[in-house]
Amino acid sequence: MLFKLVRRLPHFYYIRGQHYDSYLFVYYVNGGRSPCSPLEVITSFVVDFRAFLKMVVARFWNKEERSTPRWSRCKESTTLLVSQNNKRIIGGDDTRCHV
């Protein structure tokens, strides 16, 4: 009848002083299938592990960037310039790199 045995639960029922086992069956309808095949479990693990490694590398990389300034020798100054139309324009009047 296409039912699949999922699990046997020994001594699950206690009826009139005697223990009986229970059986759990499943029947997939409308083209359904098992939610977790071994291949899907392995694939999910690999994908999650890759995401974890990317997160660890990104955190390490960010920590390294914060410890040493990237452009420590360059000095940049910006000023706020006001035009005649009362619009604010941010521009740099002195941008230079000291070598």
PDB file of N, CA and C in Angstrom:
ATOM      1  N   MET A   1       0.814  -1.198   0.000  1.00  0.00           N
ATOM      2  CA  MET A   1       0.000   0.000   0.000  1.00  0.00           C
ATOM      3  C   MET A   1       0.862   1.269   0.000  1.00  0.00           C
ATOM      4  N   LEU A   2       2.153   1.147  -0.226  1.00  0.00           N
ATOM      5  CA  LEU A   2       3.096   2.238  -0.382  1.00  0.00           C
ATOM      6  C   LEU A   2       3.346   3.061   0.890  1.00  0.00           C
ATOM      7  N   PHE A   3       2.968   2.537   2.030  1.00  0.00           N
ATOM      8  CA  PHE A   3       3.335   3.191   3.285  1.00  0.00           C
ATOM      9  C   PHE A   3       4.788   2.837   3.589  1.00  0.00           C
ATOM     10  N   LYS A   4       5.512   3.770   4.197  1.00  0.00           N
ATOM     11  CA  LYS A   4       6.899   3.505   4.560  1.00  0.00           C
ATOM     12  C   LYS A   4       7.031   3.566   6.069  1.00  0.00           C
ATOM     13  N   LEU A   5       7.732   2.576   6.608  1.00  0.00           N
ATOM     14  CA  LEU A   5       7.972   2.533   8.044  1.00  0.00           C
ATOM     15  C   LEU A   5       9.036   3.560   8.398  1.00  0.00           C
ATOM     16  N   VAL A   6       8.690   4.465   9.318  1.00  0.00           N
ATOM     17  CA  VAL A   6       9.631   5.489   9.733  1.00  0.00           C
ATOM     18  C   VAL A   6      10.332   5.065  11.012  1.00  0.00           C
ATOM     19  N   ARG A   7       9.567   4.582  11.988  1.00  0.00           N
ATOM     20  CA  ARG A   7      10.168   4.250  13.273  1.00  0.00           C
ATOM     21  C   ARG A   7       9.296   3.252  14.034  1.00  0.00           C
ATOM     22  N   ARG A   8       9.960   2.407  14.786  1.00  0.00           N
ATOM     23  CA  ARG A   8       9.292   1.484  15.706  1.00  0.00           C
ATOM     24  C   ARG A   8       9.566   1.976  17.123  1.00  0.00           C
ATOM     25  N   LEU A   9       8.519   2.159  17.893  1.00  0.00           N
ATOM     26  CA  LEU A   9       8.645   2.639  19.265  1.00  0.00           C
ATOM     27  C   LEU A   9       8.308   1.490  20.215  1.00  0.00           C
ATOM     28  N   PRO A  10       9.334   0.830  20.760  1.00  0.00           N
ATOM     29  CA  PRO A  10       9.073  -0.335  21.612  1.00  0.00           C
ATOM     30  C   PRO A  10       8.426   0.067  22.943  1.00  0.00           C
ATOM     31  N   HIS A  11       7.516  -0.778  23.405  1.00  0.00           N
ATOM     32  CA  HIS A  11       6.812  -0.599  24.686  1.00  0.00           C
ATOM     33  C   HIS A  11       6.136   0.767  24.791  1.00  0.00           C
ATOM     34  N   PHE A  12       5.564   1.245  23.717  1.00  0.00           N
ATOM     35  CA  PHE A  12       4.938   2.562  23.693  1.00  0.00           C
ATOM     36  C   PHE A  12       3.574   2.531  24.393  1.00  0.00           C
ATOM     37  N   TYR A  13       2.811   1.477  24.141  1.00  0.00           N
ATOM     38  CA  TYR A  13       1.480   1.356  24.751  1.00  0.00           C
ATOM     39  C   TYR A  13       1.529   0.413  25.940  1.00  0.00           C
ATOM     40  N   TYR A  14       0.718   0.721  26.926  1.00  0.00           N
ATOM     41  CA  TYR A  14       0.544  -0.172  28.088  1.00  0.00           C
ATOM     42  C   TYR A  14      -0.952  -0.403  28.233  1.00  0.00           C
ATOM     43  N   ILE A  15      -1.377  -1.610  27.831  1.00  0.00           N
ATOM     44  CA  ILE A  15      -2.807  -1.940  27.824  1.00  0.00           C
ATOM     45  C   ILE A  15      -3.026  -3.200  28.646  1.00  0.00           C
ATOM     46  N   ARG A  16      -3.888  -3.077  29.654  1.00  0.00           N
ATOM     47  CA  ARG A  16      -4.268  -4.193  30.539  1.00  0.00           C
ATOM     48  C   ARG A  16      -3.053  -4.925  31.085  1.00  0.00           C
ATOM     49  N   GLY A  17      -2.076  -4.162  31.529  1.00  0.00           N
ATOM     50  CA  GLY A  17      -0.911  -4.749  32.175  1.00  0.00           C
ATOM     51  C   GLY A  17       0.133  -5.305  31.225  1.00  0.00           C
ATOM     52  N   GLN A  18       0.008  -5.034  29.949  1.00  0.00           N
ATOM     53  CA  GLN A  18       0.964  -5.566  28.983  1.00  0.00           C
ATOM     54  C   GLN A  18       1.453  -4.442  28.052  1.00  0.00           C
ATOM     55  N   HIS A  19       2.755  -4.478  27.731  1.00  0.00           N
ATOM     56  CA  HIS A  19       3.348  -3.475  26.844  1.00  0.00           C
ATOM     57  C   HIS A  19       3.223  -3.910  25.388  1.00  0.00           C
ATOM     58  N   TYR A  20       2.941  -2.896  24.519  1.00  0.00           N
ATOM     59  CA  TYR A  20       2.844  -3.138  23.088  1.00  0.00           C
ATOM     60  C   TYR A  20       3.703  -2.096  22.363  1.00  0.00           C
ATOM     61  N   ASP A  21       4.234  -2.527  21.222  1.00  0.00           N
ATOM     62  CA  ASP A  21       5.039  -1.618  20.414  1.00  0.00           C
ATOM     63  C   ASP A  21       4.138  -0.745  19.542  1.00  0.00           C
ATOM     64  N   SER A  22       4.676   0.402  19.151  1.00  0.00           N
ATOM     65  CA  SER A  22       3.981   1.300  18.237  1.00  0.00           C
ATOM     66  C   SER A  22       4.828   1.436  16.975  1.00  0.00           C
ATOM     67  N   TYR A  23       4.171   1.584  15.846  1.00  0.00           N
ATOM     68  CA  TYR A  23       4.858   1.750  14.565  1.00  0.00           C
ATOM     69  C   TYR A  23       4.399   3.045  13.920  1.00  0.00           C
ATOM     70  N   LEU A  24       5.342   3.800  13.424  1.00  0.00           N
ATOM     71  CA  LEU A  24       5.036   5.057  12.759  1.00  0.00           C
ATOM     72  C   LEU A  24       5.283   4.874  11.266  1.00  0.00           C
ATOM     73  N   PHE A  25       4.213   5.045  10.482  1.00  0.00           N
ATOM     74  CA  PHE A  25       4.288   4.916   9.034  1.00  0.00           C
ATOM     75  C   PHE A  25       4.002   6.274   8.392  1.00  0.00           C
ATOM     76  N   VAL A  26       4.485   6.441   7.175  1.00  0.00           N
ATOM     77  CA  VAL A  26       4.222   7.662   6.418  1.00  0.00           C
ATOM     78  C   VAL A  26       3.803   7.280   5.009  1.00  0.00           C
ATOM     79  N   TYR A  27       2.896   8.096   4.450  1.00  0.00           N
ATOM     80  CA  TYR A  27       2.433   7.901   3.081  1.00  0.00           C
ATOM     81  C   TYR A  27       2.453   9.258   2.396  1.00  0.00           C
ATOM     82  N   TYR A  28       3.296   9.433   1.378  1.00  0.00           N
ATOM     83  CA  TYR A  28       3.423  10.694   0.669  1.00  0.00           C
ATOM     84  C   TYR A  28       2.393  10.745  -0.451  1.00  0.00           C
ATOM     85  N   VAL A  29       1.705  11.892  -0.553  1.00  0.00           N
ATOM     86  CA  VAL A  29       0.670  12.061  -1.572  1.00  0.00           C
ATOM     87  C   VAL A  29       1.059  13.177  -2.521  1.00  0.00           C
ATOM     88  N   ASN A  30       0.425  13.197  -3.681  1.00  0.00           N
ATOM     89  CA  ASN A  30       0.617  14.235  -4.694  1.00  0.00           C
ATOM     90  C   ASN A  30       2.089  14.408  -5.078  1.00  0.00           C
ATOM     91  N   GLY A  31       2.793  13.326  -5.247  1.00  0.00           N
ATOM     92  CA  GLY A  31       4.181  13.388  -5.680  1.00  0.00           C
ATOM     93  C   GLY A  31       5.143  13.801  -4.584  1.00  0.00           C
ATOM     94  N   GLY A  32       4.701  13.767  -3.358  1.00  0.00           N
ATOM     95  CA  GLY A  32       5.563  14.140  -2.244  1.00  0.00           C
ATOM     96  C   GLY A  32       6.706  13.148  -2.076  1.00  0.00           C
ATOM     97  N   ARG A  33       7.691  13.558  -1.334  1.00  0.00           N
ATOM     98  CA  ARG A  33       8.829  12.684  -1.076  1.00  0.00           C
ATOM     99  C   ARG A  33       9.364  12.990   0.307  1.00  0.00           C
ATOM    100  N   SER A  34      10.301  12.211   0.744  1.00  0.00           N
ATOM    101  CA  SER A  34      10.910  12.394   2.049  1.00  0.00           C
ATOM    102  C   SER A  34      11.559  13.766   2.132  1.00  0.00           C
ATOM    103  N   PRO A  35      11.361  14.500   3.225  1.00  0.00           N
ATOM    104  CA  PRO A  35      11.923  15.850   3.309  1.00  0.00           C
ATOM    105  C   PRO A  35      13.445  15.876   3.418  1.00  0.00           C
ATOM    106  N   CYS A  36      14.055  14.805   3.846  1.00  0.00           N
ATOM    107  CA  CYS A  36      15.507  14.811   4.036  1.00  0.00           C
ATOM    108  C   CYS A  36      16.131  13.522   3.519  1.00  0.00           C
ATOM    109  N   SER A  37      16.679  13.587   2.331  1.00  0.00           N
ATOM    110  CA  SER A  37      17.462  12.454   1.854  1.00  0.00           C
ATOM    111  C   SER A  37      18.895  12.661   2.331  1.00  0.00           C
ATOM    112  N   PRO A  38      19.704  11.605   2.379  1.00  0.00           N
ATOM    113  CA  PRO A  38      21.094  11.776   2.818  1.00  0.00           C
ATOM    114  C   PRO A  38      21.866  12.788   1.973  1.00  0.00           C
ATOM    115  N   LEU A  39      21.612  12.824   0.687  1.00  0.00           N
ATOM    116  CA  LEU A  39      22.293  13.786  -0.177  1.00  0.00           C
ATOM    117  C   LEU A  39      21.900  15.221   0.184  1.00  0.00           C
ATOM    118  N   GLU A  40      20.615  15.450   0.487  1.00  0.00           N
ATOM    119  CA  GLU A  40      20.168  16.789   0.873  1.00  0.00           C
ATOM    120  C   GLU A  40      20.778  17.224   2.199  1.00  0.00           C
ATOM    121  N   VAL A  41      20.951  16.298   3.122  1.00  0.00           N
ATOM    122  CA  VAL A  41      21.562  16.617   4.415  1.00  0.00           C
ATOM    123  C   VAL A  41      23.018  17.031   4.211  1.00  0.00           C
ATOM    124  N   ILE A  42      23.754  16.280   3.396  1.00  0.00           N
ATOM    125  CA  ILE A  42      25.162  16.593   3.136  1.00  0.00           C
ATOM    126  C   ILE A  42      25.277  17.929   2.402  1.00  0.00           C
ATOM    127  N   THR A  43      24.427  18.160   1.406  1.00  0.00           N
ATOM    128  CA  THR A  43      24.447  19.412   0.659  1.00  0.00           C
ATOM    129  C   THR A  43      24.154  20.595   1.573  1.00  0.00           C
ATOM    130  N   SER A  44      23.169  20.451   2.430  1.00  0.00           N
ATOM    131  CA  SER A  44      22.834  21.523   3.369  1.00  0.00           C
ATOM    132  C   SER A  44      24.001  21.817   4.308  1.00  0.00           C
ATOM    133  N   PHE A  45      24.665  20.775   4.787  1.00  0.00           N
ATOM    134  CA  PHE A  45      25.810  20.961   5.669  1.00  0.00           C
ATOM    135  C   PHE A  45      26.935  21.715   4.962  1.00  0.00           C
ATOM    136  N   VAL A  46      27.234  21.333   3.726  1.00  0.00           N
ATOM    137  CA  VAL A  46      28.311  21.978   2.971  1.00  0.00           C
ATOM    138  C   VAL A  46      27.984  23.453   2.728  1.00  0.00           C
ATOM    139  N   VAL A  47      26.748  23.757   2.353  1.00  0.00           N
ATOM    140  CA  VAL A  47      26.357  25.142   2.094  1.00  0.00           C
ATOM    141  C   VAL A  47      26.461  25.966   3.375  1.00  0.00           C
ATOM    142  N   ASP A  48      25.969  25.435   4.492  1.00  0.00           N
ATOM    143  CA  ASP A  48      26.039  26.155   5.765  1.00  0.00           C
ATOM    144  C   ASP A  48      27.483  26.341   6.225  1.00  0.00           C
ATOM    145  N   PHE A  49      28.319  25.342   6.017  1.00  0.00           N
ATOM    146  CA  PHE A  49      29.715  25.434   6.425  1.00  0.00           C
ATOM    147  C   PHE A  49      30.447  26.494   5.602  1.00  0.00           C
ATOM    148  N   ARG A  50      30.166  26.567   4.298  1.00  0.00           N
ATOM    149  CA  ARG A  50      30.773  27.602   3.455  1.00  0.00           C
ATOM    150  C   ARG A  50      30.361  28.991   3.922  1.00  0.00           C
ATOM    151  N   ALA A  51      29.086  29.159   4.264  1.00  0.00           N
ATOM    152  CA  ALA A  51      28.613  30.458   4.751  1.00  0.00           C
ATOM    153  C   ALA A  51      29.304  30.815   6.061  1.00  0.00           C
ATOM    154  N   PHE A  52      29.488  29.832   6.928  1.00  0.00           N
ATOM    155  CA  PHE A  52      30.180  30.069   8.199  1.00  0.00           C
ATOM    156  C   PHE A  52      31.626  30.507   7.954  1.00  0.00           C
ATOM    157  N   LEU A  53      32.325  29.825   7.044  1.00  0.00           N
ATOM    158  CA  LEU A  53      33.709  30.192   6.741  1.00  0.00           C
ATOM    159  C   LEU A  53      33.798  31.600   6.165  1.00  0.00           C
ATOM    160  N   LYS A  54      32.861  31.957   5.285  1.00  0.00           N
ATOM    161  CA  LYS A  54      32.858  33.307   4.722  1.00  0.00           C
ATOM    162  C   LYS A  54      32.665  34.345   5.815  1.00  0.00           C
ATOM    163  N   MET A  55      31.799  34.055   6.776  1.00  0.00           N
ATOM    164  CA  MET A  55      31.553  34.989   7.865  1.00  0.00           C
ATOM    165  C   MET A  55      32.809  35.165   8.717  1.00  0.00           C
ATOM    166  N   VAL A  56      33.493  34.059   9.033  1.00  0.00           N
ATOM    167  CA  VAL A  56      34.703  34.128   9.848  1.00  0.00           C
ATOM    168  C   VAL A  56      35.795  34.903   9.118  1.00  0.00           C
ATOM    169  N   VAL A  57      35.978  34.637   7.845  1.00  0.00           N
ATOM    170  CA  VAL A  57      36.998  35.341   7.062  1.00  0.00           C
ATOM    171  C   VAL A  57      36.659  36.828   6.977  1.00  0.00           C
ATOM    172  N   ALA A  58      35.393  37.164   6.774  1.00  0.00           N
ATOM    173  CA  ALA A  58      34.992  38.573   6.689  1.00  0.00           C
ATOM    174  C   ALA A  58      35.257  39.297   8.006  1.00  0.00           C
ATOM    175  N   ARG A  59      34.952  38.660   9.117  1.00  0.00           N
ATOM    176  CA  ARG A  59      35.211  39.295  10.412  1.00  0.00           C
ATOM    177  C   ARG A  59      36.700  39.470  10.645  1.00  0.00           C
ATOM    178  N   PHE A  60      37.490  38.484  10.301  1.00  0.00           N
ATOM    179  CA  PHE A  60      38.937  38.584  10.454  1.00  0.00           C
ATOM    180  C   PHE A  60      39.478  39.690   9.569  1.00  0.00           C
ATOM    181  N   TRP A  61      38.996  39.762   8.335  1.00  0.00           N
ATOM    182  CA  TRP A  61      39.448  40.754   7.381  1.00  0.00           C
ATOM    183  C   TRP A  61      39.110  42.167   7.867  1.00  0.00           C
ATOM    184  N   ASN A  62      37.891  42.356   8.388  1.00  0.00           N
ATOM    185  CA  ASN A  62      37.487  43.668   8.893  1.00  0.00           C
ATOM    186  C   ASN A  62      38.325  44.068  10.098  1.00  0.00           C
ATOM    187  N   LYS A  63      38.626  43.127  10.966  1.00  0.00           N
ATOM    188  CA  LYS A  63      39.425  43.422  12.147  1.00  0.00           C
ATOM    189  C   LYS A  63      40.829  43.847  11.729  1.00  0.00           C
ATOM    190  N   GLU A  64      41.371  43.197  10.708  1.00  0.00           N
ATOM    191  CA  GLU A  64      42.709  43.530  10.216  1.00  0.00           C
ATOM    192  C   GLU A  64      42.723  44.926   9.597  1.00  0.00           C
ATOM    193  N   GLU A  65      41.666  45.283   8.873  1.00  0.00           N
ATOM    194  CA  GLU A  65      41.595  46.596   8.241  1.00  0.00           C
ATOM    195  C   GLU A  65      41.484  47.703   9.279  1.00  0.00           C
ATOM    196  N   ARG A  66      40.769  47.469  10.365  1.00  0.00           N
ATOM    197  CA  ARG A  66      40.620  48.486  11.393  1.00  0.00           C
ATOM    198  C   ARG A  66      41.931  48.752  12.125  1.00  0.00           C
ATOM    199  N   SER A  67      42.783  47.744  12.243  1.00  0.00           N
ATOM    200  CA  SER A  67      44.013  47.910  13.013  1.00  0.00           C
ATOM    201  C   SER A  67      45.042  48.760  12.274  1.00  0.00           C
ATOM    202  N   THR A  68      45.102  48.713  10.961  1.00  0.00           N
ATOM    203  CA  THR A  68      46.052  49.531  10.208  1.00  0.00           C
ATOM    204  C   THR A  68      45.278  50.409   9.236  1.00  0.00           C
ATOM    205  N   PRO A  69      45.439  51.732   9.331  1.00  0.00           N
ATOM    206  CA  PRO A  69      44.743  52.606   8.392  1.00  0.00           C
ATOM    207  C   PRO A  69      45.221  52.363   6.966  1.00  0.00           C
ATOM    208  N   ARG A  70      44.283  52.341   6.061  1.00  0.00           N
ATOM    209  CA  ARG A  70      44.616  52.008   4.688  1.00  0.00           C
ATOM    210  C   ARG A  70      45.396  53.128   3.998  1.00  0.00           C
ATOM    211  N   TRP A  71      44.998  54.347   4.242  1.00  0.00           N
ATOM    212  CA  TRP A  71      45.649  55.492   3.607  1.00  0.00           C
ATOM    213  C   TRP A  71      46.213  56.407   4.700  1.00  0.00           C
ATOM    214  N   SER A  72      47.114  55.893   5.477  1.00  0.00           N
ATOM    215  CA  SER A  72      47.621  56.657   6.602  1.00  0.00           C
ATOM    216  C   SER A  72      48.472  57.852   6.161  1.00  0.00           C
ATOM    217  N   ARG A  73      49.069  57.808   4.990  1.00  0.00           N
ATOM    218  CA  ARG A  73      49.932  58.896   4.543  1.00  0.00           C
ATOM    219  C   ARG A  73      49.174  59.968   3.776  1.00  0.00           C
ATOM    220  N   CYS A  74      47.939  59.733   3.397  1.00  0.00           N
ATOM    221  CA  CYS A  74      47.176  60.710   2.626  1.00  0.00           C
ATOM    222  C   CYS A  74      46.374  61.592   3.574  1.00  0.00           C
ATOM    223  N   LYS A  75      46.381  62.879   3.294  1.00  0.00           N
ATOM    224  CA  LYS A  75      45.624  63.820   4.093  1.00  0.00           C
ATOM    225  C   LYS A  75      44.590  64.460   3.184  1.00  0.00           C
ATOM    226  N   GLU A  76      43.365  64.467   3.638  1.00  0.00           N
ATOM    227  CA  GLU A  76      42.302  65.024   2.824  1.00  0.00           C
ATOM    228  C   GLU A  76      41.493  65.978   3.684  1.00  0.00           C
ATOM    229  N   SER A  77      41.246  67.152   3.192  1.00  0.00           N
ATOM    230  CA  SER A  77      40.394  68.090   3.915  1.00  0.00           C
ATOM    231  C   SER A  77      39.267  68.517   3.002  1.00  0.00           C
ATOM    232  N   THR A  78      38.081  68.584   3.530  1.00  0.00           N
ATOM    233  CA  THR A  78      36.926  69.001   2.747  1.00  0.00           C
ATOM    234  C   THR A  78      36.287  70.185   3.427  1.00  0.00           C
ATOM    235  N   THR A  79      35.672  71.024   2.662  1.00  0.00           N
ATOM    236  CA  THR A  79      34.966  72.183   3.200  1.00  0.00           C
ATOM    237  C   THR A  79      33.560  72.203   2.659  1.00  0.00           C
ATOM    238  N   LEU A  80      32.714  72.898   3.347  1.00  0.00           N
ATOM    239  CA  LEU A  80      31.334  73.057   2.915  1.00  0.00           C
ATOM    240  C   LEU A  80      31.231  74.378   2.177  1.00  0.00           C
ATOM    241  N   LEU A  81      30.906  74.318   0.897  1.00  0.00           N
ATOM    242  CA  LEU A  81      30.803  75.513   0.083  1.00  0.00           C
ATOM    243  C   LEU A  81      29.338  75.854  -0.120  1.00  0.00           C
ATOM    244  N   VAL A  82      29.011  77.119  -0.091  1.00  0.00           N
ATOM    245  CA  VAL A  82      27.635  77.569  -0.297  1.00  0.00           C
ATOM    246  C   VAL A  82      27.584  78.299  -1.626  1.00  0.00           C
ATOM    247  N   SER A  83      26.658  77.893  -2.471  1.00  0.00           N
ATOM    248  CA  SER A  83      26.519  78.549  -3.766  1.00  0.00           C
ATOM    249  C   SER A  83      25.565  79.723  -3.630  1.00  0.00           C
ATOM    250  N   GLN A  84      25.351  80.431  -4.705  1.00  0.00           N
ATOM    251  CA  GLN A  84      24.462  81.578  -4.687  1.00  0.00           C
ATOM    252  C   GLN A  84      23.002  81.175  -4.576  1.00  0.00           C
ATOM    253  N   ASN A  85      22.674  79.924  -4.925  1.00  0.00           N
ATOM    254  CA  ASN A  85      21.292  79.457  -4.865  1.00  0.00           C
ATOM    255  C   ASN A  85      20.942  78.870  -3.499  1.00  0.00           C
ATOM    256  N   ASN A  86      21.766  79.084  -2.507  1.00  0.00           N
ATOM    257  CA  ASN A  86      21.600  78.563  -1.151  1.00  0.00           C
ATOM    258  C   ASN A  86      21.554  77.033  -1.123  1.00  0.00           C
ATOM    259  N   LYS A  87      22.243  76.392  -2.015  1.00  0.00           N
ATOM    260  CA  LYS A  87      22.367  74.943  -2.005  1.00  0.00           C
ATOM    261  C   LYS A  87      23.733  74.600  -1.446  1.00  0.00           C
ATOM    262  N   ARG A  88      23.784  73.585  -0.658  1.00  0.00           N
ATOM    263  CA  ARG A  88      25.059  73.188  -0.069  1.00  0.00           C
ATOM    264  C   ARG A  88      25.800  72.250  -1.010  1.00  0.00           C
ATOM    265  N   ILE A  89      27.053  72.506  -1.204  1.00  0.00           N
ATOM    266  CA  ILE A  89      27.891  71.667  -2.056  1.00  0.00           C
ATOM    267  C   ILE A  89      29.103  71.270  -1.240  1.00  0.00           C
ATOM    268  N   ILE A  90      29.366  69.994  -1.165  1.00  0.00           N
ATOM    269  CA  ILE A  90      30.548  69.526  -0.460  1.00  0.00           C
ATOM    270  C   ILE A  90      31.642  69.356  -1.491  1.00  0.00           C
ATOM    271  N   GLY A  91      32.737  70.043  -1.269  1.00  0.00           N
ATOM    272  CA  GLY A  91      33.850  69.948  -2.208  1.00  0.00           C
ATOM    273  C   GLY A  91      35.151  69.946  -1.443  1.00  0.00           C
ATOM    274  N   GLY A  92      36.184  69.487  -2.065  1.00  0.00           N
ATOM    275  CA  GLY A  92      37.490  69.469  -1.428  1.00  0.00           C
ATOM    276  C   GLY A  92      38.362  70.535  -2.028  1.00  0.00           C
ATOM    277  N   ASP A  93      38.947  71.349  -1.159  1.00  0.00           N
ATOM    278  CA  ASP A  93      39.843  72.373  -1.681  1.00  0.00           C
ATOM    279  C   ASP A  93      41.308  71.968  -1.526  1.00  0.00           C
ATOM    280  N   ASP A  94      41.550  70.978  -0.671  1.00  0.00           N
ATOM    281  CA  ASP A  94      42.949  70.587  -0.470  1.00  0.00           C
ATOM    282  C   ASP A  94      43.029  69.077  -0.322  1.00  0.00           C
ATOM    283  N   THR A  95      43.317  68.377  -1.392  1.00  0.00           N
ATOM    284  CA  THR A  95      43.468  66.938  -1.350  1.00  0.00           C
ATOM    285  C   THR A  95      44.850  66.605  -1.856  1.00  0.00           C
ATOM    286  N   ARG A  96      45.645  66.054  -0.976  1.00  0.00           N
ATOM    287  CA  ARG A  96      47.012  65.753  -1.389  1.00  0.00           C
ATOM    288  C   ARG A  96      47.523  64.519  -0.640  1.00  0.00           C
ATOM    289  N   CYS A  97      48.469  63.866  -1.235  1.00  0.00           N
ATOM    290  CA  CYS A  97      49.133  62.704  -0.632  1.00  0.00           C
ATOM    291  C   CYS A  97      50.566  63.083  -0.329  1.00  0.00           C
ATOM    292  N   HIS A  98      50.962  62.863   0.914  1.00  0.00           N
ATOM    293  CA  HIS A  98      52.341  63.136   1.311  1.00  0.00           C
ATOM    294  C   HIS A  98      53.149  61.845   1.234  1.00  0.00           C
ATOM    295  N   VAL A  99      54.208  61.855   0.461  1.00  0.00           N
ATOM    296  CA  VAL A  99      55.000  60.646   0.271  1.00  0.00           C
ATOM    297  C   VAL A  99      56.230  60.664   1.108  1.00  0.00           C
TER     298      VAL A  99
END
